[in-house]
Amino acid sequence: IIFNAEGWAYLIDTLPIFLGGLFAGILVVITYTSIGLALSSISQ
């Protein structure tokens, strides 16, 4: 947005897509953290 000097119309159009990707990224973090810590807890 900054490099292309986009305006509010561009932000409104792409914000729902951005939020969907943001939720997907958070889901990746949660899933990988859960699996990794579970495997770390069963071994020395």
All heavy atoms as atom14 arrays in JSON, in Angstrom:
{
  "sequence": "IIFNAEGWAYLIDTLPIFLGGLFAGILVVITYTSIGLALSSISQ",
  "atom14_mask": [
    [1, 1, 1, 1, 1, 1, 1, 1, 0, 0, 0, 0, 0, 0],
    [1, 1, 1, 1, 1, 1, 1, 1, 0, 0, 0, 0, 0, 0],
    [1, 1, 1, 1, 1, 1, 1, 1, 1, 1, 1, 0, 0, 0],
    [1, 1, 1, 1, 1, 1, 1, 1, 0, 0, 0, 0, 0, 0],
    [1, 1, 1, 1, 1, 0, 0, 0, 0, 0, 0, 0, 0, 0],
    [1, 1, 1, 1, 1, 1, 1, 1, 1, 0, 0, 0, 0, 0],
    [1, 1, 1, 1, 0, 0, 0, 0, 0, 0, 0, 0, 0, 0],
    [1, 1, 1, 1, 1, 1, 1, 1, 1, 1, 1, 1, 1, 1],
    [1, 1, 1, 1, 1, 0, 0, 0, 0, 0, 0, 0, 0, 0],
    [1, 1, 1, 1, 1, 1, 1, 1, 1, 1, 1, 1, 0, 0],
    [1, 1, 1, 1, 1, 1, 1, 1, 0, 0, 0, 0, 0, 0],
    [1, 1, 1, 1, 1, 1, 1, 1, 0, 0, 0, 0, 0, 0],
    [1, 1, 1, 1, 1, 1, 1, 1, 0, 0, 0, 0, 0, 0],
    [1, 1, 1, 1, 1, 1, 1, 0, 0, 0, 0, 0, 0, 0],
    [1, 1, 1, 1, 1, 1, 1, 1, 0, 0, 0, 0, 0, 0],
    [1, 1, 1, 1, 1, 1, 1, 0, 0, 0, 0, 0, 0, 0],
    [1, 1, 1, 1, 1, 1, 1, 1, 0, 0, 0, 0, 0, 0],
    [1, 1, 1, 1, 1, 1, 1, 1, 1, 1, 1, 0, 0, 0],
    [1, 1, 1, 1, 1, 1, 1, 1, 0, 0, 0, 0, 0, 0],
    [1, 1, 1, 1, 0, 0, 0, 0, 0, 0, 0, 0, 0, 0],
    [1, 1, 1, 1, 0, 0, 0, 0, 0, 0, 0, 0, 0, 0],
    [1, 1, 1, 1, 1, 1, 1, 1, 0, 0, 0, 0, 0, 0],
    [1, 1, 1, 1, 1, 1, 1, 1, 1, 1, 1, 0, 0, 0],
    [1, 1, 1, 1, 1, 0, 0, 0, 0, 0, 0, 0, 0, 0],
    [1, 1, 1, 1, 0, 0, 0, 0, 0, 0, 0, 0, 0, 0],
    [1, 1, 1, 1, 1, 1, 1, 1, 0, 0, 0, 0, 0, 0],
    [1, 1, 1, 1, 1, 1, 1, 1, 0, 0, 0, 0, 0, 0],
    [1, 1, 1, 1, 1, 1, 1, 0, 0, 0, 0, 0, 0, 0],
    [1, 1, 1, 1, 1, 1, 1, 0, 0, 0, 0, 0, 0, 0],
    [1, 1, 1, 1, 1, 1, 1, 1, 0, 0, 0, 0, 0, 0],
    [1, 1, 1, 1, 1, 1, 1, 0, 0, 0, 0, 0, 0, 0],
    [1, 1, 1, 1, 1, 1, 1, 1, 1, 1, 1, 1, 0, 0],
    [1, 1, 1, 1, 1, 1, 1, 0, 0, 0, 0, 0, 0, 0],
    [1, 1, 1, 1, 1, 1, 0, 0, 0, 0, 0, 0, 0, 0],
    [1, 1, 1, 1, 1, 1, 1, 1, 0, 0, 0, 0, 0, 0],
    [1, 1, 1, 1, 0, 0, 0, 0, 0, 0, 0, 0, 0, 0],
    [1, 1, 1, 1, 1, 1, 1, 1, 0, 0, 0, 0, 0, 0],
    [1, 1, 1, 1, 1, 0, 0, 0, 0, 0, 0, 0, 0, 0],
    [1, 1, 1, 1, 1, 1, 1, 1, 0, 0, 0, 0, 0, 0],
    [1, 1, 1, 1, 1, 1, 0, 0, 0, 0, 0, 0, 0, 0],
    [1, 1, 1, 1, 1, 1, 0, 0, 0, 0, 0, 0, 0, 0],
    [1, 1, 1, 1, 1, 1, 1, 1, 0, 0, 0, 0, 0, 0],
    [1, 1, 1, 1, 1, 1, 0, 0, 0, 0, 0, 0, 0, 0],
    [1, 1, 1, 1, 1, 1, 1, 1, 1, 0, 0, 0, 0, 0]
  ],
  "atom14_positions": [
    [[0.83, -1.21, 0.0], [0.0, 0.0, 0.0], [0.86, 1.26, 0.0], [0.6, 2.23, -0.71], [-0.95, -0.02, 1.21], [-1.91, -1.21, 1.11], [-1.72, 1.28, 1.31], [-2.84, -1.35, 2.29], [0.0, 0.0, 0.0], [0.0, 0.0, 0.0], [0.0, 0.0, 0.0], [0.0, 0.0, 0.0], [0.0, 0.0, 0.0], [0.0, 0.0, 0.0]],
    [[1.94, 1.24, 0.78], [2.79, 2.43, 0.89], [3.57, 2.67, -0.39], [3.62, 3.79, -0.91], [3.74, 2.27, 2.1], [2.94, 2.25, 3.41], [4.76, 3.41, 2.11], [3.77, 1.95, 4.62], [0.0, 0.0, 0.0], [0.0, 0.0, 0.0], [0.0, 0.0, 0.0], [0.0, 0.0, 0.0], [0.0, 0.0, 0.0], [0.0, 0.0, 0.0]],
    [[4.19, 1.62, -0.94], [5.02, 1.79, -2.13], [4.2, 2.2, -3.35], [4.68, 2.96, -4.2], [5.79, 0.51, -2.42], [6.86, 0.2, -1.41], [7.25, -1.11, -1.16], [7.44, 1.21, -0.67], [8.21, -1.4, -0.23], [8.41, 0.93, 0.28], [8.8, -0.38, 0.5], [0.0, 0.0, 0.0], [0.0, 0.0, 0.0], [0.0, 0.0, 0.0]],
    [[2.98, 1.7, -3.44], [2.13, 2.02, -4.59], [1.22, 3.22, -4.35], [0.44, 3.57, -5.24], [1.26, 0.81, -4.96], [2.09, -0.38, -5.4], [3.14, -0.23, -6.02], [1.6, -1.59, -5.08], [0.0, 0.0, 0.0], [0.0, 0.0, 0.0], [0.0, 0.0, 0.0], [0.0, 0.0, 0.0], [0.0, 0.0, 0.0], [0.0, 0.0, 0.0]],
    [[1.33, 3.81, -3.15], [0.53, 5.0, -2.81], [-0.96, 4.77, -3.05], [-1.65, 5.57, -3.69], [1.03, 6.22, -3.59], [0.0, 0.0, 0.0], [0.0, 0.0, 0.0], [0.0, 0.0, 0.0], [0.0, 0.0, 0.0], [0.0, 0.0, 0.0], [0.0, 0.0, 0.0], [0.0, 0.0, 0.0], [0.0, 0.0, 0.0], [0.0, 0.0, 0.0]],
    [[-1.45, 3.65, -2.55], [-2.85, 3.3, -2.74], [-3.72, 4.13, -1.8], [-3.3, 4.54, -0.72], [-3.07, 1.81, -2.5], [-2.25, 0.89, -3.38], [-2.69, 0.92, -4.83], [-3.74, 1.54, -5.11], [-2.0, 0.32, -5.66], [0.0, 0.0, 0.0], [0.0, 0.0, 0.0], [0.0, 0.0, 0.0], [0.0, 0.0, 0.0], [0.0, 0.0, 0.0]],
    [[-4.98, 4.32, -2.21], [-5.91, 5.1, -1.42], [-6.86, 4.25, -0.6], [-6.69, 3.03, -0.47], [0.0, 0.0, 0.0], [0.0, 0.0, 0.0], [0.0, 0.0, 0.0], [0.0, 0.0, 0.0], [0.0, 0.0, 0.0], [0.0, 0.0, 0.0], [0.0, 0.0, 0.0], [0.0, 0.0, 0.0], [0.0, 0.0, 0.0], [0.0, 0.0, 0.0]],
    [[-7.86, 4.93, -0.03], [-8.81, 4.24, 0.84], [-9.65, 3.22, 0.08], [-10.02, 2.19, 0.64], [-9.72, 5.27, 1.53], [-9.03, 6.03, 2.6], [-8.57, 7.32, 2.53], [-8.71, 5.56, 3.91], [-7.98, 7.69, 3.72], [-8.05, 6.62, 4.59], [-8.9, 4.35, 4.59], [-7.6, 6.51, 5.89], [-8.44, 4.24, 5.89], [-7.81, 5.3, 6.53]],
    [[-9.95, 3.51, -1.17], [-10.75, 2.56, -1.95], [-10.03, 1.22, -2.11], [-10.64, 0.15, -1.98], [-11.08, 3.16, -3.32], [0.0, 0.0, 0.0], [0.0, 0.0, 0.0], [0.0, 0.0, 0.0], [0.0, 0.0, 0.0], [0.0, 0.0, 0.0], [0.0, 0.0, 0.0], [0.0, 0.0, 0.0], [0.0, 0.0, 0.0], [0.0, 0.0, 0.0]],
    [[-8.74, 1.28, -2.38], [-7.94, 0.05, -2.5], [-7.9, -0.7, -1.17], [-8.0, -1.92, -1.13], [-6.54, 0.41, -2.97], [-5.62, -0.78, -3.14], [-5.6, -1.5, -4.32], [-4.77, -1.17, -2.11], [-4.75, -2.59, -4.49], [-3.92, -2.26, -2.26], [-3.92, -2.97, -3.46], [-3.09, -4.04, -3.61], [0.0, 0.0, 0.0], [0.0, 0.0, 0.0]],
    [[-7.76, 0.05, -0.07], [-7.71, -0.56, 1.24], [-9.01, -1.26, 1.58], [-9.02, -2.38, 2.11], [-7.39, 0.5, 2.3], [-7.29, 0.02, 3.76], [-6.17, -0.97, 3.92], [-7.09, 1.2, 4.69], [0.0, 0.0, 0.0], [0.0, 0.0, 0.0], [0.0, 0.0, 0.0], [0.0, 0.0, 0.0], [0.0, 0.0, 0.0], [0.0, 0.0, 0.0]],
    [[-10.13, -0.63, 1.26], [-11.42, -1.24, 1.56], [-11.64, -2.48, 0.71], [-12.21, -3.48, 1.18], [-12.55, -0.2, 1.32], [-12.42, 0.93, 2.35], [-13.92, -0.86, 1.43], [-13.4, 2.07, 2.13], [0.0, 0.0, 0.0], [0.0, 0.0, 0.0], [0.0, 0.0, 0.0], [0.0, 0.0, 0.0], [0.0, 0.0, 0.0], [0.0, 0.0, 0.0]],
    [[-11.17, -2.46, -0.52], [-11.37, -3.61, -1.41], [-10.54, -4.82, -0.99], [-10.98, -5.97, -1.12], [-11.02, -3.23, -2.85], [-12.02, -2.25, -3.44], [-13.16, -2.18, -2.92], [-11.67, -1.54, -4.4], [0.0, 0.0, 0.0], [0.0, 0.0, 0.0], [0.0, 0.0, 0.0], [0.0, 0.0, 0.0], [0.0, 0.0, 0.0], [0.0, 0.0, 0.0]],
    [[-9.33, -4.58, -0.51], [-8.42, -5.69, -0.2], [-8.41, -6.08, 1.27], [-7.84, -7.12, 1.62], [-6.99, -5.31, -0.61], [-6.57, -4.12, 0.08], [-6.91, -5.07, -2.12], [0.0, 0.0, 0.0], [0.0, 0.0, 0.0], [0.0, 0.0, 0.0], [0.0, 0.0, 0.0], [0.0, 0.0, 0.0], [0.0, 0.0, 0.0], [0.0, 0.0, 0.0]],
    [[-9.01, -5.28, 2.14], [-8.96, -5.58, 3.57], [-9.63, -6.9, 3.93], [-9.07, -7.67, 4.73], [-9.6, -4.44, 4.36], [-9.5, -4.56, 5.89], [-8.04, -4.63, 6.33], [-10.22, -3.41, 6.58], [0.0, 0.0, 0.0], [0.0, 0.0, 0.0], [0.0, 0.0, 0.0], [0.0, 0.0, 0.0], [0.0, 0.0, 0.0], [0.0, 0.0, 0.0]],
    [[-10.79, -7.26, 3.38], [-11.36, -8.58, 3.71], [-10.45, -9.73, 3.31], [-10.36, -10.74, 4.05], [-12.67, -8.6, 2.91], [-13.02, -7.16, 2.72], [-11.71, -6.46, 2.55], [0.0, 0.0, 0.0], [0.0, 0.0, 0.0], [0.0, 0.0, 0.0], [0.0, 0.0, 0.0], [0.0, 0.0, 0.0], [0.0, 0.0, 0.0], [0.0, 0.0, 0.0]],
    [[-9.78, -9.61, 2.16], [-8.86, -10.67, 1.75], [-7.68, -10.73, 2.71], [-7.22, -11.82, 3.09], [-8.37, -10.42, 0.32], [-9.54, -10.19, -0.62], [-7.52, -11.58, -0.18], [-9.14, -9.79, -2.02], [0.0, 0.0, 0.0], [0.0, 0.0, 0.0], [0.0, 0.0, 0.0], [0.0, 0.0, 0.0], [0.0, 0.0, 0.0], [0.0, 0.0, 0.0]],
    [[-7.17, -9.56, 3.11], [-6.05, -9.52, 4.04], [-6.43, -10.16, 5.38], [-5.64, -10.93, 5.95], [-5.62, -8.08, 4.26], [-4.73, -7.88, 5.44], [-3.39, -8.25, 5.4], [-5.22, -7.32, 6.62], [-2.56, -8.08, 6.5], [-4.4, -7.15, 7.72], [-3.07, -7.53, 7.66], [0.0, 0.0, 0.0], [0.0, 0.0, 0.0], [0.0, 0.0, 0.0]],
    [[-7.61, -9.88, 5.88], [-8.03, -10.45, 7.16], [-8.18, -11.96, 7.07], [-7.88, -12.68, 8.03], [-9.34, -9.81, 7.61], [-9.27, -8.32, 7.97], [-10.64, -7.79, 8.35], [-8.26, -8.08, 9.08], [0.0, 0.0, 0.0], [0.0, 0.0, 0.0], [0.0, 0.0, 0.0], [0.0, 0.0, 0.0], [0.0, 0.0, 0.0], [0.0, 0.0, 0.0]],
    [[-8.65, -12.47, 5.92], [-8.73, -13.91, 5.75], [-7.37, -14.57, 5.79], [-7.17, -15.61, 6.42], [0.0, 0.0, 0.0], [0.0, 0.0, 0.0], [0.0, 0.0, 0.0], [0.0, 0.0, 0.0], [0.0, 0.0, 0.0], [0.0, 0.0, 0.0], [0.0, 0.0, 0.0], [0.0, 0.0, 0.0], [0.0, 0.0, 0.0], [0.0, 0.0, 0.0]],
    [[-6.38, -13.95, 5.1], [-5.02, -14.47, 5.15], [-4.4, -14.35, 6.53], [-3.63, -15.22, 6.96], [0.0, 0.0, 0.0], [0.0, 0.0, 0.0], [0.0, 0.0, 0.0], [0.0, 0.0, 0.0], [0.0, 0.0, 0.0], [0.0, 0.0, 0.0], [0.0, 0.0, 0.0], [0.0, 0.0, 0.0], [0.0, 0.0, 0.0], [0.0, 0.0, 0.0]],
    [[-4.75, -13.27, 7.25], [-4.24, -13.1, 8.61], [-4.77, -14.18, 9.54], [-4.01, -14.74, 10.35], [-4.65, -11.72, 9.14], [-4.17, -11.36, 10.55], [-2.65, -11.32, 10.61], [-4.76, -10.02, 10.99], [0.0, 0.0, 0.0], [0.0, 0.0, 0.0], [0.0, 0.0, 0.0], [0.0, 0.0, 0.0], [0.0, 0.0, 0.0], [0.0, 0.0, 0.0]],
    [[-6.04, -14.51, 9.41], [-6.61, -15.59, 10.23], [-5.96, -16.92, 9.88], [-5.69, -17.74, 10.77], [-8.12, -15.66, 10.02], [-8.8, -16.7, 10.86], [-9.07, -16.46, 12.2], [-9.17, -17.92, 10.32], [-9.7, -17.42, 12.97], [-9.79, -18.88, 11.08], [-10.06, -18.64, 12.42], [0.0, 0.0, 0.0], [0.0, 0.0, 0.0], [0.0, 0.0, 0.0]],
    [[-5.69, -17.14, 8.6], [-5.02, -18.38, 8.2], [-3.61, -18.45, 8.78], [-3.16, -19.51, 9.21], [-4.97, -18.46, 6.67], [0.0, 0.0, 0.0], [0.0, 0.0, 0.0], [0.0, 0.0, 0.0], [0.0, 0.0, 0.0], [0.0, 0.0, 0.0], [0.0, 0.0, 0.0], [0.0, 0.0, 0.0], [0.0, 0.0, 0.0], [0.0, 0.0, 0.0]],
    [[-2.89, -17.32, 8.8], [-1.55, -17.3, 9.38], [-1.57, -17.6, 10.87], [-0.71, -18.33, 11.38], [0.0, 0.0, 0.0], [0.0, 0.0, 0.0], [0.0, 0.0, 0.0], [0.0, 0.0, 0.0], [0.0, 0.0, 0.0], [0.0, 0.0, 0.0], [0.0, 0.0, 0.0], [0.0, 0.0, 0.0], [0.0, 0.0, 0.0], [0.0, 0.0, 0.0]],
    [[-2.54, -17.03, 11.58], [-2.66, -17.31, 13.01], [-2.98, -18.78, 13.24], [-2.47, -19.41, 14.18], [-3.75, -16.41, 13.63], [-3.31, -14.94, 13.55], [-4.03, -16.81, 15.07], [-4.37, -13.96, 14.02], [0.0, 0.0, 0.0], [0.0, 0.0, 0.0], [0.0, 0.0, 0.0], [0.0, 0.0, 0.0], [0.0, 0.0, 0.0], [0.0, 0.0, 0.0]],
    [[-3.8, -19.36, 12.36], [-4.12, -20.78, 12.48], [-2.89, -21.66, 12.25], [-2.71, -22.69, 12.9], [-5.22, -21.14, 11.49], [-5.96, -22.47, 11.71], [-6.6, -22.5, 13.09], [-7.01, -22.66, 10.63], [0.0, 0.0, 0.0], [0.0, 0.0, 0.0], [0.0, 0.0, 0.0], [0.0, 0.0, 0.0], [0.0, 0.0, 0.0], [0.0, 0.0, 0.0]],
    [[-2.02, -21.24, 11.33], [-0.77, -21.96, 11.11], [0.1, -21.92, 12.36], [0.67, -22.94, 12.79], [-0.01, -21.37, 9.9], [1.4, -21.95, 9.82], [-0.75, -21.63, 8.61], [0.0, 0.0, 0.0], [0.0, 0.0, 0.0], [0.0, 0.0, 0.0], [0.0, 0.0, 0.0], [0.0, 0.0, 0.0], [0.0, 0.0, 0.0], [0.0, 0.0, 0.0]],
    [[0.21, -20.75, 12.98], [1.02, -20.6, 14.2], [0.48, -21.48, 15.32], [1.24, -22.18, 16.0], [1.05, -19.12, 14.63], [1.72, -18.98, 15.99], [1.8, -18.28, 13.59], [0.0, 0.0, 0.0], [0.0, 0.0, 0.0], [0.0, 0.0, 0.0], [0.0, 0.0, 0.0], [0.0, 0.0, 0.0], [0.0, 0.0, 0.0], [0.0, 0.0, 0.0]],
    [[-0.83, -21.47, 15.51], [-1.43, -22.27, 16.59], [-1.21, -23.76, 16.35], [-0.83, -24.5, 17.27], [-2.93, -21.93, 16.7], [-3.11, -20.49, 17.19], [-3.63, -22.91, 17.65], [-4.56, -20.04, 17.2], [0.0, 0.0, 0.0], [0.0, 0.0, 0.0], [0.0, 0.0, 0.0], [0.0, 0.0, 0.0], [0.0, 0.0, 0.0], [0.0, 0.0, 0.0]],
    [[-1.45, -24.2, 15.13], [-1.33, -25.64, 14.84], [0.1, -26.12, 14.97], [0.37, -27.15, 15.6], [-1.86, -25.93, 13.42], [-3.21, -25.47, 13.31], [-1.81, -27.42, 13.13], [0.0, 0.0, 0.0], [0.0, 0.0, 0.0], [0.0, 0.0, 0.0], [0.0, 0.0, 0.0], [0.0, 0.0, 0.0], [0.0, 0.0, 0.0], [0.0, 0.0, 0.0]],
    [[1.04, -25.4, 14.4], [2.44, -25.82, 14.47], [2.96, -25.76, 15.91], [3.76, -26.61, 16.32], [3.29, -24.94, 13.56], [3.2, -25.3, 12.09], [2.26, -26.21, 11.63], [4.05, -24.73, 11.15], [2.16, -26.55, 10.31], [3.97, -25.06, 9.8], [3.02, -25.98, 9.39], [2.94, -26.31, 8.06], [0.0, 0.0, 0.0], [0.0, 0.0, 0.0]],
    [[2.51, -24.77, 16.67], [2.93, -24.68, 18.07], [2.39, -25.86, 18.88], [3.12, -26.46, 19.68], [2.44, -23.37, 18.68], [2.98, -22.26, 17.95], [2.89, -23.25, 20.13], [0.0, 0.0, 0.0], [0.0, 0.0, 0.0], [0.0, 0.0, 0.0], [0.0, 0.0, 0.0], [0.0, 0.0, 0.0], [0.0, 0.0, 0.0], [0.0, 0.0, 0.0]],
    [[1.14, -26.22, 18.68], [0.54, -27.33, 19.42], [1.25, -28.64, 19.11], [1.62, -29.39, 20.02], [-0.95, -27.45, 19.07], [-1.64, -26.26, 19.39], [0.0, 0.0, 0.0], [0.0, 0.0, 0.0], [0.0, 0.0, 0.0], [0.0, 0.0, 0.0], [0.0, 0.0, 0.0], [0.0, 0.0, 0.0], [0.0, 0.0, 0.0], [0.0, 0.0, 0.0]],
    [[1.48, -28.91, 17.83], [2.13, -30.16, 17.46], [3.57, -30.19, 17.97], [4.04, -31.19, 18.52], [2.09, -30.34, 15.93], [0.65, -30.44, 15.43], [2.87, -31.59, 15.52], [0.52, -30.48, 13.92], [0.0, 0.0, 0.0], [0.0, 0.0, 0.0], [0.0, 0.0, 0.0], [0.0, 0.0, 0.0], [0.0, 0.0, 0.0], [0.0, 0.0, 0.0]],
    [[4.29, -29.08, 17.79], [5.69, -29.05, 18.2], [5.88, -29.23, 19.7], [6.75, -30.0, 20.13], [0.0, 0.0, 0.0], [0.0, 0.0, 0.0], [0.0, 0.0, 0.0], [0.0, 0.0, 0.0], [0.0, 0.0, 0.0], [0.0, 0.0, 0.0], [0.0, 0.0, 0.0], [0.0, 0.0, 0.0], [0.0, 0.0, 0.0], [0.0, 0.0, 0.0]],
    [[5.08, -28.56, 20.51], [5.22, -28.69, 21.97], [4.79, -30.07, 22.44], [5.37, -30.6, 23.4], [4.39, -27.62, 22.66], [5.01, -26.22, 22.71], [4.11, -25.26, 23.46], [6.39, -26.25, 23.34], [0.0, 0.0, 0.0], [0.0, 0.0, 0.0], [0.0, 0.0, 0.0], [0.0, 0.0, 0.0], [0.0, 0.0, 0.0], [0.0, 0.0, 0.0]],
    [[3.78, -30.65, 21.8], [3.38, -32.0, 22.18], [4.5, -32.99, 21.93], [4.77, -33.88, 22.76], [2.12, -32.41, 21.41], [0.0, 0.0, 0.0], [0.0, 0.0, 0.0], [0.0, 0.0, 0.0], [0.0, 0.0, 0.0], [0.0, 0.0, 0.0], [0.0, 0.0, 0.0], [0.0, 0.0, 0.0], [0.0, 0.0, 0.0], [0.0, 0.0, 0.0]],
    [[5.19, -32.86, 20.81], [6.31, -33.75, 20.52], [7.5, -33.48, 21.44], [8.23, -34.39, 21.81], [6.74, -33.59, 19.05], [5.71, -34.04, 18.01], [6.18, -33.7, 16.61], [5.45, -35.53, 18.13], [0.0, 0.0, 0.0], [0.0, 0.0, 0.0], [0.0, 0.0, 0.0], [0.0, 0.0, 0.0], [0.0, 0.0, 0.0], [0.0, 0.0, 0.0]],
    [[7.68, -32.22, 21.83], [8.77, -31.89, 22.73], [8.54, -32.43, 24.14], [9.49, -32.68, 24.88], [8.98, -30.37, 22.79], [10.02, -30.01, 23.66], [0.0, 0.0, 0.0], [0.0, 0.0, 0.0], [0.0, 0.0, 0.0], [0.0, 0.0, 0.0], [0.0, 0.0, 0.0], [0.0, 0.0, 0.0], [0.0, 0.0, 0.0], [0.0, 0.0, 0.0]],
    [[7.27, -32.59, 24.51], [6.97, -33.02, 25.88], [7.08, -34.52, 26.1], [7.08, -34.97, 27.24], [5.55, -32.58, 26.25], [4.58, -33.25, 25.45], [0.0, 0.0, 0.0], [0.0, 0.0, 0.0], [0.0, 0.0, 0.0], [0.0, 0.0, 0.0], [0.0, 0.0, 0.0], [0.0, 0.0, 0.0], [0.0, 0.0, 0.0], [0.0, 0.0, 0.0]],
    [[7.18, -35.3, 25.02], [7.2, -36.75, 25.2], [8.61, -37.32, 25.15], [8.78, -38.54, 25.18], [6.34, -37.44, 24.11], [6.9, -37.18, 22.71], [4.9, -36.98, 24.21], [6.14, -37.89, 21.62], [0.0, 0.0, 0.0], [0.0, 0.0, 0.0], [0.0, 0.0, 0.0], [0.0, 0.0, 0.0], [0.0, 0.0, 0.0], [0.0, 0.0, 0.0]],
    [[9.61, -36.48, 25.07], [10.97, -36.98, 24.97], [11.91, -36.08, 25.77], [11.57, -34.94, 26.11], [11.42, -37.02, 23.49], [12.79, -37.36, 23.39], [0.0, 0.0, 0.0], [0.0, 0.0, 0.0], [0.0, 0.0, 0.0], [0.0, 0.0, 0.0], [0.0, 0.0, 0.0], [0.0, 0.0, 0.0], [0.0, 0.0, 0.0], [0.0, 0.0, 0.0]],
    [[13.08, -36.61, 26.07], [14.12, -35.84, 26.73], [15.17, -35.33, 25.76], [16.16, -34.75, 26.16], [14.79, -36.69, 27.81], [13.86, -37.11, 28.94], [14.59, -37.84, 30.04], [15.81, -37.84, 30.11], [13.84, -38.47, 30.93], [0.0, 0.0, 0.0], [0.0, 0.0, 0.0], [0.0, 0.0, 0.0], [0.0, 0.0, 0.0], [0.0, 0.0, 0.0]]
  ]
}
